[in-house]
Protein backbone atom coordinates (compact mmCIF):
# COMPACT_ATOMS: atom_id res chain seq x y z
CA MET A 1 -132.43 246.05 -19.51
CA GLU A 2 -135.57 246.44 -21.58
CA THR A 3 -137.63 245.73 -18.48
CA PHE A 4 -135.87 248.55 -16.68
CA LEU A 5 -136.52 250.91 -19.58
CA ASP A 6 -140.19 249.89 -19.51
CA VAL A 7 -140.36 250.51 -15.77
CA VAL A 8 -138.51 253.82 -15.87
CA GLY A 9 -140.35 255.35 -18.79
CA GLY A 10 -139.96 258.81 -20.23
CA THR A 11 -141.21 260.70 -17.20
CA ALA A 12 -138.58 259.21 -14.90
CA LEU A 13 -135.86 260.01 -17.43
CA VAL A 14 -136.93 263.64 -17.42
CA PHE A 15 -136.92 263.68 -13.61
CA LEU A 16 -133.48 262.03 -13.56
CA ALA A 17 -132.16 264.68 -15.93
CA LEU A 18 -133.62 267.41 -13.71
CA VAL A 19 -132.04 265.89 -10.58
CA GLY A 20 -128.67 265.74 -12.34
CA LEU A 21 -129.05 269.27 -13.66
CA VAL A 22 -129.75 270.64 -10.19
CA ALA A 23 -126.85 268.67 -8.69
CA GLY A 24 -124.53 269.94 -11.41
CA LEU A 25 -125.59 273.55 -11.07
CA VAL A 26 -125.18 273.42 -7.29
CA ALA A 27 -121.74 271.85 -7.66
CA GLY A 28 -120.76 274.48 -10.22
CA ALA A 29 -121.96 277.28 -7.96
CA ILE A 30 -120.13 275.89 -4.93
CA SER A 31 -116.87 275.23 -6.75
CA GLY A 32 -116.98 278.33 -8.90
CA GLY A 33 -116.13 276.21 -11.92
CA ASN A 34 -117.74 275.88 -15.32
CA LYS A 35 -121.43 275.51 -14.47
CA LEU A 36 -122.30 274.10 -17.89
CA ALA A 37 -119.71 271.33 -17.59
CA TYR A 38 -120.86 270.46 -14.08
CA ALA A 39 -124.51 270.46 -15.20
CA ALA A 40 -123.69 268.10 -18.10
CA ALA A 41 -121.75 265.77 -15.81
CA GLY A 42 -124.59 265.81 -13.28
CA VAL A 43 -127.18 264.91 -15.90
CA ALA A 44 -124.97 262.13 -17.29
CA GLY A 45 -124.35 260.65 -13.85
CA ALA A 46 -127.99 260.82 -12.81
CA VAL A 47 -129.24 259.16 -15.98
CA LEU A 48 -126.48 256.55 -16.33
CA LEU A 49 -126.16 255.07 -12.83
CA PRO A 50 -129.66 253.54 -12.67
CA PHE A 51 -129.08 251.92 -16.07
CA VAL A 52 -125.63 250.65 -15.08
CA LEU A 53 -126.98 249.15 -11.86
CA ALA A 54 -129.84 247.50 -13.74
CA ALA A 55 -127.41 246.09 -16.31
CA LEU A 56 -125.28 244.68 -13.49
CA GLY A 57 -128.32 242.91 -12.09
CA ALA A 58 -129.22 245.17 -9.18
CA THR A 59 -132.85 244.14 -9.05
CA PHE A 60 -133.79 246.73 -6.43
CA VAL A 61 -133.45 249.39 -9.13
CA VAL A 62 -135.55 247.52 -11.67
CA GLY A 63 -138.50 247.05 -9.34
CA ALA A 64 -138.08 250.32 -7.52
CA GLY A 65 -140.48 253.18 -7.48
CA LEU A 66 -139.77 256.60 -8.87
CA ILE A 67 -138.45 257.97 -5.58
CA LEU A 68 -135.75 255.30 -5.23
CA ILE A 69 -134.74 255.70 -8.88
CA LEU A 70 -134.37 259.46 -8.31
CA VAL A 71 -132.27 258.83 -5.19
CA VAL A 72 -130.01 256.49 -7.17
CA GLY A 73 -129.84 259.15 -9.88
CA ALA A 74 -128.79 261.78 -7.33
CA ILE A 75 -126.08 259.45 -6.04
CA GLY A 76 -124.91 258.88 -9.62
CA ALA A 77 -124.77 262.62 -10.25
CA ILE A 78 -122.75 263.22 -7.09
CA LEU A 79 -120.34 260.37 -7.89
CA LEU A 80 -119.72 261.55 -11.44
CA LEU A 81 -119.31 265.15 -10.29
CA ALA A 82 -116.73 264.02 -7.74
CA ILE A 83 -114.87 262.07 -10.41
CA VAL A 84 -114.91 265.05 -12.79
CA ARG A 85 -113.69 267.32 -9.99
CA ALA A 86 -110.89 264.88 -9.10
CA ILE A 87 -109.74 264.50 -12.71
CA PHE A 88 -109.98 268.09 -13.89
CA GLY A 89 -109.60 269.91 -10.58
CA SER A 90 -111.05 273.27 -9.78
CA GLY A 91 -109.29 275.12 -12.55
CA ASP A 92 -107.77 277.41 -9.94
CA LYS A 93 -104.00 277.40 -10.45
CA ARG A 94 -103.09 279.86 -7.70
CA ASP A 95 -100.66 278.81 -5.03
CA ILE A 96 -102.20 278.64 -1.60
């Protein structure tokens, strides 16, 4: 895990947070939900998934370049946003 943190560095963490922020804001704009909540979930997903994969032993993440780490971060943001959306719904309680 420390090796992954050494490889990722501070710059990649900032980029991961930006990828998650953009994914969250786009999801919030599309769904019409709370943009701040979606942005926070996007940032959390983008930052956490590369660390989780590295902790589970996915060596492709540890030795990956910045582009692959950002792609994994985008996938993490999308996954967490989908989970948040499934759990909390759209907030729209109107009957269709």
